C-alpha atoms as a PDB file:
ATOM      1  CA  MET A   1     149.732  51.031 131.362  1.00  0.00           C
ATOM      2  CA  GLN A   2     148.108  51.869 128.748  1.00  0.00           C
ATOM      3  CA  ARG A   3     144.680  54.236 129.527  1.00  0.00           C
ATOM      4  CA  ASP A   4     144.303  57.193 131.657  1.00  0.00           C
ATOM      5  CA  TYR A   5     140.836  55.472 133.313  1.00  0.00           C
ATOM      6  CA  TYR A   6     140.066  59.290 134.500  1.00  0.00           C
ATOM      7  CA  ARG A   7     140.205  60.645 131.445  1.00  0.00           C
ATOM      8  CA  LEU A   8     137.663  57.794 129.444  1.00  0.00           C
ATOM      9  CA  LEU A   9     135.533  58.914 132.302  1.00  0.00           C
ATOM     10  CA  GLY A  10     136.294  63.168 132.341  1.00  0.00           C
ATOM     11  CA  VAL A  11     136.817  63.486 136.417  1.00  0.00           C
ATOM     12  CA  ASN A  12     139.405  64.466 137.888  1.00  0.00           C
ATOM     13  CA  ARG A  13     141.404  62.111 140.007  1.00  0.00           C
ATOM     14  CA  SER A  14     140.629  63.761 143.085  1.00  0.00           C
ATOM     15  CA  ALA A  15     136.986  62.767 142.002  1.00  0.00           C
ATOM     16  CA  SER A  16     134.907  61.207 144.890  1.00  0.00           C
ATOM     17  CA  ALA A  17     133.845  57.767 144.452  1.00  0.00           C
ATOM     18  CA  ASP A  18     130.058  59.350 143.954  1.00  0.00           C
ATOM     19  CA  GLU A  19     131.773  61.099 141.107  1.00  0.00           C
ATOM     20  CA  ILE A  20     133.282  58.798 139.272  1.00  0.00           C
ATOM     21  CA  LYS A  21     129.576  56.972 139.987  1.00  0.00           C
ATOM     22  CA  LEU A  22     128.113  59.348 138.113  1.00  0.00           C
ATOM     23  CA  ALA A  23     129.910  60.228 135.564  1.00  0.00           C
ATOM     24  CA  TYR A  24     129.916  56.512 134.702  1.00  0.00           C
ATOM     25  CA  ARG A  25     125.801  56.520 134.311  1.00  0.00           C
ATOM     26  CA  ARG A  26     125.966  59.102 132.149  1.00  0.00           C
ATOM     27  CA  LEU A  27     128.165  57.565 129.657  1.00  0.00           C
ATOM     28  CA  ALA A  28     126.792  54.746 129.723  1.00  0.00           C
ATOM     29  CA  GLN A  29     123.043  55.657 128.785  1.00  0.00           C
ATOM     30  CA  ARG A  30     124.778  57.142 126.287  1.00  0.00           C
ATOM     31  CA  LEU A  31     126.691  54.565 125.178  1.00  0.00           C
ATOM     32  CA  HIS A  32     125.023  51.192 126.102  1.00  0.00           C
ATOM     33  CA  PRO A  33     124.815  49.295 123.175  1.00  0.00           C
ATOM     34  CA  ASP A  34     121.390  48.323 123.797  1.00  0.00           C
ATOM     35  CA  VAL A  35     121.307  52.276 123.152  1.00  0.00           C
ATOM     36  CA  SER A  36     123.603  53.189 120.113  1.00  0.00           C
ATOM     37  CA  THR A  37     124.186  51.616 117.145  1.00  0.00           C
ATOM     38  CA  ASN A  38     127.721  52.935 116.492  1.00  0.00           C
ATOM     39  CA  PRO A  39     130.542  50.278 116.534  1.00  0.00           C
ATOM     40  CA  GLN A  40     132.629  52.865 118.260  1.00  0.00           C
ATOM     41  CA  ASP A  41     130.409  53.825 120.867  1.00  0.00           C
ATOM     42  CA  GLY A  42     130.468  50.002 121.987  1.00  0.00           C
ATOM     43  CA  GLU A  43     133.925  49.445 122.452  1.00  0.00           C
ATOM     44  CA  ARG A  44     133.697  53.295 124.766  1.00  0.00           C
ATOM     45  CA  PHE A  45     131.817  51.459 126.239  1.00  0.00           C
ATOM     46  CA  LYS A  46     133.640  48.487 127.465  1.00  0.00           C
ATOM     47  CA  GLU A  47     136.722  50.700 128.007  1.00  0.00           C
ATOM     48  CA  ILE A  48     134.966  53.072 129.943  1.00  0.00           C
ATOM     49  CA  THR A  49     133.085  49.697 132.491  1.00  0.00           C
ATOM     50  CA  VAL A  50     136.969  48.634 133.023  1.00  0.00           C
ATOM     51  CA  ALA A  51     137.881  51.913 133.696  1.00  0.00           C
ATOM     52  CA  TYR A  52     134.549  52.704 136.450  1.00  0.00           C
ATOM     53  CA  HIS A  53     135.218  48.719 137.679  1.00  0.00           C
ATOM     54  CA  VAL A  54     139.019  49.383 138.366  1.00  0.00           C
ATOM     55  CA  LEU A  55     138.185  53.344 140.343  1.00  0.00           C
ATOM     56  CA  ARG A  56     135.247  52.414 141.988  1.00  0.00           C
ATOM     57  CA  ASP A  57     136.866  50.085 144.607  1.00  0.00           C
ATOM     58  CA  ALA A  58     139.827  51.377 146.685  1.00  0.00           C
ATOM     59  CA  GLU A  59     142.201  48.891 146.878  1.00  0.00           C
ATOM     60  CA  ARG A  60     142.587  48.397 143.191  1.00  0.00           C
ATOM     61  CA  ARG A  61     142.059  52.477 142.728  1.00  0.00           C
ATOM     62  CA  VAL A  62     144.973  53.117 144.725  1.00  0.00           C
ATOM     63  CA  ARG A  63     147.272  50.064 142.946  1.00  0.00           C
ATOM     64  CA  TYR A  64     146.272  51.995 139.535  1.00  0.00           C
ATOM     65  CA  ASP A  65     147.188  55.297 141.156  1.00  0.00           C
ATOM     66  CA  VAL A  66     150.208  54.005 141.956  1.00  0.00           C
ATOM     67  CA  GLU A  67     150.951  52.277 138.811  1.00  0.00           C
ATOM     68  CA  ALA A  68     150.711  55.344 137.105  1.00  0.00           C
ATOM     69  CA  MET A  69     153.386  56.878 138.487  1.00  0.00           C
ATOM     70  CA  GLU A  70     155.872  54.543 138.434  1.00  0.00           C
ATOM     71  CA  ALA A  71     155.234  54.986 134.952  1.00  0.00           C
ATOM     72  CA  ASP A  72     155.840  58.652 135.644  1.00  0.00           C
ATOM     73  CA  LEU A  73     160.246  58.986 135.514  1.00  0.00           C
ATOM     74  CA  ASP A  74     159.982  61.732 137.489  1.00  0.00           C
ATOM     75  CA  ALA A  75     158.192  60.890 140.571  1.00  0.00           C
ATOM     76  CA  SER A  76     160.216  60.718 143.443  1.00  0.00           C
ATOM     77  CA  GLU A  77     161.776  56.609 143.959  1.00  0.00           C
ATOM     78  CA  ARG A  78     161.332  58.169 147.443  1.00  0.00           C
ATOM     79  CA  GLU A  79     157.811  58.964 148.049  1.00  0.00           C
ATOM     80  CA  LEU A  80     156.517  56.123 145.556  1.00  0.00           C
ATOM     81  CA  ASN A  81     158.621  53.790 148.953  1.00  0.00           C
ATOM     82  CA  ALA A  82     156.715  55.294 151.078  1.00  0.00           C
ATOM     83  CA  ALA A  83     153.051  54.489 148.992  1.00  0.00           C
ATOM     84  CA  ARG A  84     154.060  50.836 148.653  1.00  0.00           C
ATOM     85  CA  GLU A  85     154.826  50.400 151.820  1.00  0.00           C
ATOM     86  CA  ILE A  86     151.685  51.890 152.918  1.00  0.00           C
ATOM     87  CA  LEU A  87     149.984  49.280 150.625  1.00  0.00           C
ATOM     88  CA  ALA A  88     152.169  46.682 151.968  1.00  0.00           C
ATOM     89  CA  ASN A  89     150.472  47.025 154.950  1.00  0.00           C
ATOM     90  CA  GLY A  90     146.918  45.415 154.538  1.00  0.00           C
ATOM     91  CA  TYR A  91     143.820  47.466 153.452  1.00  0.00           C
ATOM     92  CA  GLY A  92     141.427  48.786 155.686  1.00  0.00           C
ATOM     93  CA  ALA A  93     143.767  48.134 158.599  1.00  0.00           C
ATOM     94  CA  ALA A  94     145.568  50.997 160.386  1.00  0.00           C
ATOM     95  CA  ALA A  95     148.450  51.791 158.257  1.00  0.00           C
ATOM     96  CA  SER A  96     151.787  51.378 160.762  1.00  0.00           C
ATOM     97  CA  VAL A  97     153.217  54.826 162.009  1.00  0.00           C
ATOM     98  CA  PRO A  98     155.568  56.051 159.099  1.00  0.00           C
ATOM     99  CA  PRO A  99     158.785  56.866 159.593  1.00  0.00           C
ATOM    100  CA  ALA A 100     159.718  60.376 161.069  1.00  0.00           C
ATOM    101  CA  SER A 101     160.578  61.719 157.692  1.00  0.00           C
ATOM    102  CA  TRP A 102     157.236  60.654 156.178  1.00  0.00           C
ATOM    103  CA  GLU A 103     154.930  63.548 158.714  1.00  0.00           C
ATOM    104  CA  ARG A 104     155.547  66.106 156.451  1.00  0.00           C
ATOM    105  CA  ASP A 105     154.149  63.876 153.610  1.00  0.00           C
ATOM    106  CA  LEU A 106     151.296  62.134 155.288  1.00  0.00           C
ATOM    107  CA  GLY A 107     150.413  64.909 157.878  1.00  0.00           C
ATOM    108  CA  ASP A 108     147.201  64.385 159.682  1.00  0.00           C
ATOM    109  CA  GLU A 109     146.500  61.010 157.442  1.00  0.00           C
ATOM    110  CA  GLU A 110     148.601  59.245 160.104  1.00  0.00           C
ATOM    111  CA  ASP A 111     145.254  56.950 161.482  1.00  0.00           C
ATOM    112  CA  ALA A 112     143.252  56.832 157.984  1.00  0.00           C
ATOM    113  CA  PRO A 113     143.004  53.291 156.663  1.00  0.00           C
ATOM    114  CA  ALA A 114     146.100  52.498 154.218  1.00  0.00           C
ATOM    115  CA  HIS A 115     144.281  53.212 151.107  1.00  0.00           C
ATOM    116  CA  GLU A 116     143.701  56.779 152.267  1.00  0.00           C
ATOM    117  CA  ALA A 117     146.835  57.344 152.829  1.00  0.00           C
ATOM    118  CA  ALA A 118     148.508  56.063 149.893  1.00  0.00           C
ATOM    119  CA  GLY A 119     146.015  58.137 148.302  1.00  0.00           C
ATOM    120  CA  GLY A 120     146.519  60.968 149.987  1.00  0.00           C
ATOM    121  CA  LEU A 121     150.945  60.810 149.261  1.00  0.00           C
ATOM    122  CA  LEU A 122     149.832  60.618 145.844  1.00  0.00           C
ATOM    123  CA  ASN A 123     147.420  63.695 146.117  1.00  0.00           C
ATOM    124  CA  ARG A 124     149.703  65.456 146.660  1.00  0.00           C
ATOM    125  CA  LEU A 125     153.064  63.684 144.221  1.00  0.00           C
ATOM    126  CA  ALA A 126     151.002  64.896 141.473  1.00  0.00           C
ATOM    127  CA  ARG A 127     149.971  68.270 142.925  1.00  0.00           C
ATOM    128  CA  ARG A 128     154.312  68.734 142.779  1.00  0.00           C
ATOM    129  CA  ARG A 129     154.254  67.020 140.140  1.00  0.00           C
ATOM    130  CA  ALA A 130     152.222  70.494 137.636  1.00  0.00           C
ATOM    131  CA  GLU A 131     155.615  71.909 137.440  1.00  0.00           C
ATOM    132  CA  GLN A 132     157.348  69.097 135.653  1.00  0.00           C
ATOM    133  CA  LYS A 133     157.213  66.872 133.219  1.00  0.00           C
ATOM    134  CA  ALA A 134     153.540  64.947 133.458  1.00  0.00           C
ATOM    135  CA  PRO A 135     152.350  62.242 131.686  1.00  0.00           C
ATOM    136  CA  ALA A 136     150.218  62.748 128.447  1.00  0.00           C
ATOM    137  CA  GLY A 137     146.899  62.838 128.648  1.00  0.00           C
ATOM    138  CA  TYR A 138     147.018  63.592 133.152  1.00  0.00           C
ATOM    139  CA  ARG A 139     147.060  67.644 131.839  1.00  0.00           C
ATOM    140  CA  THR A 140     143.964  69.109 132.445  1.00  0.00           C
ATOM    141  CA  PRO A 141     143.547  73.186 131.652  1.00  0.00           C
ATOM    142  CA  GLY A 142     142.431  75.197 133.871  1.00  0.00           C
ATOM    143  CA  ASP A 143     138.774  76.652 134.078  1.00  0.00           C
ATOM    144  CA  ASP A 144     137.897  80.379 132.442  1.00  0.00           C
ATOM    145  CA  TYR A 145     136.720  82.178 134.424  1.00  0.00           C
ATOM    146  CA  GLU A 146     134.184  85.411 133.333  1.00  0.00           C
ATOM    147  CA  VAL A 147     133.254  87.623 135.800  1.00  0.00           C
ATOM    148  CA  VAL A 148     132.041  91.557 135.946  1.00  0.00           C
ATOM    149  CA  GLY A 149     134.621  94.207 136.399  1.00  0.00           C
ATOM    150  CA  GLU A 150     133.159  97.270 138.117  1.00  0.00           C
ATOM    151  CA  ILE A 151     135.127 100.840 137.437  1.00  0.00           C
ATOM    152  CA  THR A 152     135.171 104.234 138.433  1.00  0.00           C
ATOM    153  CA  PHE A 153     134.115 106.642 135.421  1.00  0.00           C
ATOM    154  CA  GLU A 154     137.479 108.406 135.817  1.00  0.00           C
ATOM    155  CA  GLU A 155     139.073 104.928 135.868  1.00  0.00           C
ATOM    156  CA  ALA A 156     137.140 104.179 132.314  1.00  0.00           C
ATOM    157  CA  VAL A 157     138.489 107.343 131.387  1.00  0.00           C
ATOM    158  CA  ARG A 158     142.760 107.727 132.491  1.00  0.00           C
ATOM    159  CA  GLY A 159     143.176 104.070 131.843  1.00  0.00           C
ATOM    160  CA  GLY A 160     145.831 102.233 134.385  1.00  0.00           C
ATOM    161  CA  ASN A 161     146.247  99.552 137.150  1.00  0.00           C
ATOM    162  CA  VAL A 162     142.769  98.467 138.112  1.00  0.00           C
ATOM    163  CA  THR A 163     142.789  96.033 141.442  1.00  0.00           C
ATOM    164  CA  LEU A 164     138.906  93.887 140.785  1.00  0.00           C
ATOM    165  CA  THR A 165     137.901  92.129 143.224  1.00  0.00           C
ATOM    166  CA  PHE A 166     135.303  89.361 142.400  1.00  0.00           C
ATOM    167  CA  ALA A 167     134.051  85.710 144.178  1.00  0.00           C
ATOM    168  CA  VAL A 168     134.833  82.738 141.529  1.00  0.00           C
ATOM    169  CA  PRO A 169     135.095  79.039 142.167  1.00  0.00           C
ATOM    170  CA  GLU A 170     137.369  77.294 143.078  1.00  0.00           C
ATOM    171  CA  ARG A 171     138.210  73.322 142.930  1.00  0.00           C
ATOM    172  CA  THR A 172     138.171  71.085 146.303  1.00  0.00           C
ATOM    173  CA  GLY A 173     139.933  68.089 147.187  1.00  0.00           C
ATOM    174  CA  ASN A 174     137.052  66.253 147.009  1.00  0.00           C
ATOM    175  CA  GLY A 175     135.821  66.633 143.190  1.00  0.00           C
ATOM    176  CA  GLY A 176     133.869  69.608 144.482  1.00  0.00           C
ATOM    177  CA  THR A 177     133.770  73.195 144.293  1.00  0.00           C
ATOM    178  CA  ARG A 178     133.405  76.672 146.651  1.00  0.00           C
ATOM    179  CA  GLU A 179     133.371  80.356 146.021  1.00  0.00           C
ATOM    180  CA  VAL A 180     136.898  82.386 146.617  1.00  0.00           C
ATOM    181  CA  GLU A 181     137.194  86.211 147.007  1.00  0.00           C
ATOM    182  CA  ARG A 182     140.485  86.576 144.473  1.00  0.00           C
ATOM    183  CA  THR A 183     141.632  89.976 143.584  1.00  0.00           C
ATOM    184  CA  VAL A 184     143.416  90.394 139.878  1.00  0.00           C
ATOM    185  CA  GLU A 185     145.580  93.986 139.228  1.00  0.00           C
ATOM    186  CA  ILE A 186     144.411  95.206 134.941  1.00  0.00           C
ATOM    187  CA  ARG A 187     145.249  97.749 132.637  1.00  0.00           C
ATOM    188  CA  LEU A 188     142.667  99.211 132.161  1.00  0.00           C
ATOM    189  CA  PRO A 189     142.843 100.612 128.014  1.00  0.00           C
ATOM    190  CA  LYS A 190     142.205 104.404 128.250  1.00  0.00           C
ATOM    191  CA  ASN A 191     138.537 105.550 127.366  1.00  0.00           C
ATOM    192  CA  ALA A 192     137.016 102.059 128.991  1.00  0.00           C
ATOM    193  CA  PHE A 193     132.912 101.782 127.591  1.00  0.00           C
ATOM    194  CA  ALA A 194     130.981  99.965 129.932  1.00  0.00           C
ATOM    195  CA  GLY A 195     130.493  95.766 127.890  1.00  0.00           C
ATOM    196  CA  GLN A 196     134.107  96.119 127.047  1.00  0.00           C
ATOM    197  CA  ARG A 197     135.626  93.506 127.599  1.00  0.00           C
ATOM    198  CA  LEU A 198     139.988  91.858 128.378  1.00  0.00           C
ATOM    199  CA  ARG A 199     140.932  88.772 128.604  1.00  0.00           C
ATOM    200  CA  LEU A 200     143.937  87.945 130.924  1.00  0.00           C
ATOM    201  CA  LYS A 201     145.609  85.375 130.094  1.00  0.00           C
ATOM    202  CA  GLY A 202     146.357  82.335 133.005  1.00  0.00           C
ATOM    203  CA  LYS A 203     144.779  84.523 135.113  1.00  0.00           C
ATOM    204  CA  GLY A 204     141.491  81.867 135.590  1.00  0.00           C
ATOM    205  CA  GLY A 205     141.587  78.603 137.575  1.00  0.00           C
ATOM    206  CA  PRO A 206     144.866  76.406 137.682  1.00  0.00           C
ATOM    207  CA  GLY A 207     145.684  73.339 135.398  1.00  0.00           C
ATOM    208  CA  ASP A 208     145.891  70.296 137.131  1.00  0.00           C
ATOM    209  CA  TYR A 209     148.587  68.065 136.701  1.00  0.00           C
ATOM    210  CA  GLY A 210     150.666  70.534 134.563  1.00  0.00           C
ATOM    211  CA  GLY A 211     148.719  71.653 132.409  1.00  0.00           C
ATOM    212  CA  PRO A 212     148.350  75.701 131.401  1.00  0.00           C
ATOM    213  CA  ASP A 213     145.679  77.756 133.372  1.00  0.00           C
ATOM    214  CA  GLY A 214     142.878  79.109 132.463  1.00  0.00           C
ATOM    215  CA  ASP A 215     141.838  82.130 131.302  1.00  0.00           C
ATOM    216  CA  LEU A 216     140.036  85.451 133.393  1.00  0.00           C
ATOM    217  CA  HIS A 217     137.270  87.153 130.917  1.00  0.00           C
ATOM    218  CA  VAL A 218     135.949  90.402 132.163  1.00  0.00           C
ATOM    219  CA  GLU A 219     133.261  92.511 131.040  1.00  0.00           C
ATOM    220  CA  ILE A 220     133.293  96.141 132.197  1.00  0.00           C
ATOM    221  CA  ALA A 221     130.891  97.601 133.889  1.00  0.00           C
ATOM    222  CA  TYR A 222     130.450 100.883 135.777  1.00  0.00           C
ATOM    223  CA  LYS A 223     129.889 101.705 139.749  1.00  0.00           C
ATOM    224  CA  ARG A 224     127.060 103.882 140.854  1.00  0.00           C
ATOM    225  CA  HIS A 225     129.174 107.333 140.634  1.00  0.00           C
ATOM    226  CA  HIS A 226     128.504 109.734 143.992  1.00  0.00           C
ATOM    227  CA  LEU A 227     127.534 112.837 141.944  1.00  0.00           C
ATOM    228  CA  PHE A 228     127.298 112.042 137.745  1.00  0.00           C
ATOM    229  CA  ARG A 229     124.125 110.225 137.103  1.00  0.00           C
ATOM    230  CA  VAL A 230     123.869 108.580 133.003  1.00  0.00           C
ATOM    231  CA  ARG A 231     121.969 109.720 129.923  1.00  0.00           C
ATOM    232  CA  GLY A 232     123.101 107.133 127.762  1.00  0.00           C
ATOM    233  CA  LEU A 233     126.528 108.006 127.314  1.00  0.00           C
ATOM    234  CA  ASP A 234     125.691 111.859 128.611  1.00  0.00           C
ATOM    235  CA  ILE A 235     126.549 112.127 132.125  1.00  0.00           C
ATOM    236  CA  TRP A 236     124.653 115.142 134.053  1.00  0.00           C
ATOM    237  CA  PHE A 237     124.687 116.387 137.727  1.00  0.00           C
ATOM    238  CA  TYR A 238     123.387 119.320 139.456  1.00  0.00           C
ATOM    239  CA  LEU A 239     124.847 122.522 140.482  1.00  0.00           C
ATOM    240  CA  PRO A 240     123.364 123.791 142.810  1.00  0.00           C
ATOM    241  CA  ILE A 241     124.643 128.317 142.321  1.00  0.00           C
ATOM    242  CA  ALA A 242     123.305 130.505 145.099  1.00  0.00           C
ATOM    243  CA  PRO A 243     120.956 133.271 144.563  1.00  0.00           C
ATOM    244  CA  TRP A 244     122.718 136.007 143.998  1.00  0.00           C
ATOM    245  CA  GLU A 245     124.574 134.145 141.699  1.00  0.00           C
ATOM    246  CA  ALA A 246     121.602 133.612 139.816  1.00  0.00           C
ATOM    247  CA  VAL A 247     120.476 136.644 139.702  1.00  0.00           C
ATOM    248  CA  LEU A 248     124.034 138.039 139.123  1.00  0.00           C
ATOM    249  CA  GLY A 249     125.834 136.000 137.292  1.00  0.00           C
ATOM    250  CA  ALA A 250     129.301 134.300 138.285  1.00  0.00           C
ATOM    251  CA  VAL A 251     131.745 132.182 137.046  1.00  0.00           C
ATOM    252  CA  VAL A 252     132.235 128.794 138.746  1.00  0.00           C
ATOM    253  CA  GLU A 253     134.108 125.852 138.703  1.00  0.00           C
ATOM    254  CA  ILE A 254     132.588 121.917 138.027  1.00  0.00           C
ATOM    255  CA  PRO A 255     133.794 119.150 138.013  1.00  0.00           C
ATOM    256  CA  THR A 256     134.142 116.504 135.310  1.00  0.00           C
ATOM    257  CA  LEU A 257     135.600 113.408 135.071  1.00  0.00           C
ATOM    258  CA  GLU A 258     139.231 114.704 134.406  1.00  0.00           C
ATOM    259  CA  LYS A 259     140.111 118.760 135.846  1.00  0.00           C
ATOM    260  CA  PRO A 260     137.746 121.504 136.469  1.00  0.00           C
ATOM    261  CA  PHE A 261     136.345 123.145 134.439  1.00  0.00           C
ATOM    262  CA  ARG A 262     134.321 126.913 135.011  1.00  0.00           C
ATOM    263  CA  VAL A 263     131.442 127.864 133.277  1.00  0.00           C
ATOM    264  CA  ARG A 264     130.143 131.431 133.259  1.00  0.00           C
ATOM    265  CA  ILE A 265     126.363 131.411 134.735  1.00  0.00           C
ATOM    266  CA  PRO A 266     124.722 134.476 133.194  1.00  0.00           C
ATOM    267  CA  VAL A 267     122.706 137.343 135.197  1.00  0.00           C
ATOM    268  CA  GLY A 268     118.962 136.465 135.714  1.00  0.00           C
ATOM    269  CA  ALA A 269     119.418 131.756 135.873  1.00  0.00           C
ATOM    270  CA  THR A 270     116.686 130.174 136.885  1.00  0.00           C
ATOM    271  CA  SER A 271     116.910 126.835 137.871  1.00  0.00           C
ATOM    272  CA  GLY A 272     116.662 123.781 135.250  1.00  0.00           C
ATOM    273  CA  GLN A 273     119.588 126.356 132.926  1.00  0.00           C
ATOM    274  CA  THR A 274     121.974 123.846 131.672  1.00  0.00           C
ATOM    275  CA  PHE A 275     125.178 123.638 130.823  1.00  0.00           C
ATOM    276  CA  ARG A 276     126.408 121.171 127.780  1.00  0.00           C
ATOM    277  CA  LEU A 277     130.435 120.344 127.620  1.00  0.00           C
ATOM    278  CA  PRO A 278     130.665 117.922 124.787  1.00  0.00           C
ATOM    279  CA  GLY A 279     132.957 114.925 124.592  1.00  0.00           C
ATOM    280  CA  ARG A 280     133.124 115.007 128.515  1.00  0.00           C
ATOM    281  CA  GLY A 281     130.748 111.790 129.452  1.00  0.00           C
ATOM    282  CA  LEU A 282     131.578 108.631 128.979  1.00  0.00           C
ATOM    283  CA  PRO A 283     133.461 106.099 125.732  1.00  0.00           C
ATOM    284  CA  LYS A 284     131.950 105.287 122.834  1.00  0.00           C
ATOM    285  CA  PRO A 285     132.306 101.174 121.381  1.00  0.00           C
ATOM    286  CA  ASP A 286     133.392 103.030 118.813  1.00  0.00           C
ATOM    287  CA  GLY A 287     135.732 106.218 119.610  1.00  0.00           C
ATOM    288  CA  GLY A 288     135.046 109.837 120.922  1.00  0.00           C
ATOM    289  CA  ARG A 289     132.389 110.508 124.071  1.00  0.00           C
ATOM    290  CA  GLY A 290     129.463 111.612 125.620  1.00  0.00           C
ATOM    291  CA  ASP A 291     128.870 114.585 127.378  1.00  0.00           C
ATOM    292  CA  LEU A 292     128.700 116.267 130.252  1.00  0.00           C
ATOM    293  CA  LEU A 293     125.660 118.713 131.852  1.00  0.00           C
ATOM    294  CA  ALA A 294     125.453 120.503 134.313  1.00  0.00           C
ATOM    295  CA  CYS A 295     121.430 121.196 134.579  1.00  0.00           C
ATOM    296  CA  LEU A 296     121.530 125.200 137.481  1.00  0.00           C
ATOM    297  CA  ARG A 297     119.520 124.658 140.756  1.00  0.00           C
ATOM    298  CA  VAL A 298     119.182 127.746 142.365  1.00  0.00           C
ATOM    299  CA  ILE A 299     120.102 126.844 146.584  1.00  0.00           C
ATOM    300  CA  THR A 300     118.885 128.953 149.693  1.00  0.00           C
ATOM    301  CA  PRO A 301     120.274 129.092 153.119  1.00  0.00           C
ATOM    302  CA  GLU A 302     118.552 126.160 155.168  1.00  0.00           C
ATOM    303  CA  HIS A 303     119.478 128.402 158.266  1.00  0.00           C
ATOM    304  CA  PRO A 304     119.800 131.870 157.377  1.00  0.00           C
ATOM    305  CA  THR A 305     120.957 134.230 159.963  1.00  0.00           C
ATOM    306  CA  GLU A 306     119.454 137.387 160.931  1.00  0.00           C
ATOM    307  CA  THR A 307     121.535 139.574 159.017  1.00  0.00           C
ATOM    308  CA  GLU A 308     120.269 137.258 156.152  1.00  0.00           C
ATOM    309  CA  LYS A 309     116.824 137.448 156.881  1.00  0.00           C
ATOM    310  CA  GLN A 310     116.572 141.858 157.431  1.00  0.00           C
ATOM    311  CA  LEU A 311     118.451 141.938 153.307  1.00  0.00           C
ATOM    312  CA  TYR A 312     116.237 139.116 152.259  1.00  0.00           C
ATOM    313  CA  LEU A 313     113.309 140.863 153.411  1.00  0.00           C
ATOM    314  CA  GLN A 314     114.513 145.019 152.567  1.00  0.00           C
ATOM    315  CA  LEU A 315     114.534 142.916 148.879  1.00  0.00           C
ATOM    316  CA  ALA A 316     111.255 141.794 149.288  1.00  0.00           C
ATOM    317  CA  ARG A 317     110.034 144.466 150.265  1.00  0.00           C
ATOM    318  CA  GLN A 318     112.014 146.593 147.404  1.00  0.00           C
ATOM    319  CA  SER A 319     111.418 144.118 144.888  1.00  0.00           C
ATOM    320  CA  ARG A 320     108.931 144.561 142.295  1.00  0.00           C
ATOM    321  CA  PHE A 321     110.052 140.463 140.334  1.00  0.00           C
ATOM    322  CA  ASN A 322     106.367 138.456 140.915  1.00  0.00           C
ATOM    323  CA  ALA A 323     108.062 135.117 140.490  1.00  0.00           C
ATOM    324  CA  ARG A 324     104.960 134.019 139.713  1.00  0.00           C
ATOM    325  CA  ARG A 325     103.172 136.050 137.109  1.00  0.00           C
ATOM    326  CA  GLY A 326     102.521 133.869 134.758  1.00  0.00           C
ATOM    327  CA  PHE A 327      98.925 132.115 136.781  1.00  0.00           C
ATOM    328  CA  GLY A 328      97.197 135.228 135.947  1.00  0.00           C
END
């Protein structure tokens, strides 16, 4: 065999008849002598026409596939004989019941028409040869996948191994695609930032006939955090304090993306006062990190006890503080 008809048409060996027809029409519209003035396109048009007439016919296509297998010295002689015997039983008629030793190869295709049974066997042979040396022109690289990998703020800062789950297109046996869920473990660098792209070689789509697997390209994005909110590369949150902490001052522990950090609440603090912790925010693309801001919010008891009510009543009677003195 001198030319790979599948490669000429740009289709996989598992392509359906409709896909082969569509591929031929697209090429013919560009290469036909009535359209193109390039002499080389005329020769290519003749080649794809021959390829199309062979592959569109089920009988001729299987014979072509058998010849391709015969040309490959790595093919199993026993399996080739199995395909030849199926072909010898005649096209369009049901193949004779194969020996028991073939059941593992033929599976549910024993009752299929001869050319379908042989074709299914040959497809399995091709997949099995993927780990062996494939004929030149058969190997097709796998698809590269582009996905968004969502990570937490904490994972971005500390780096390390992170498990990602996402949907990717996968080829089906009839040449189509379907969405499947994939899970991979990636190693994040420390201080990974949103928009950063990571390449995982060989983690993309599988190659055909021994071709290399594609790559996985992961774009980093942040998951929504249960506590922190984003403002540029800074993160902030409301720090609730009790009324007595606001009046008397206190030392409280606040969360960060690493370990907790202690801050001192000043005497007479009010809601809206903000503490800034430099370098405790999100990673920057050029190095460094944003800041962490803690905004105070004075919180009163939702269900005060009778004792608490009496204490607040005593405070209200004795205090000269006017919360609305600025109203005039």
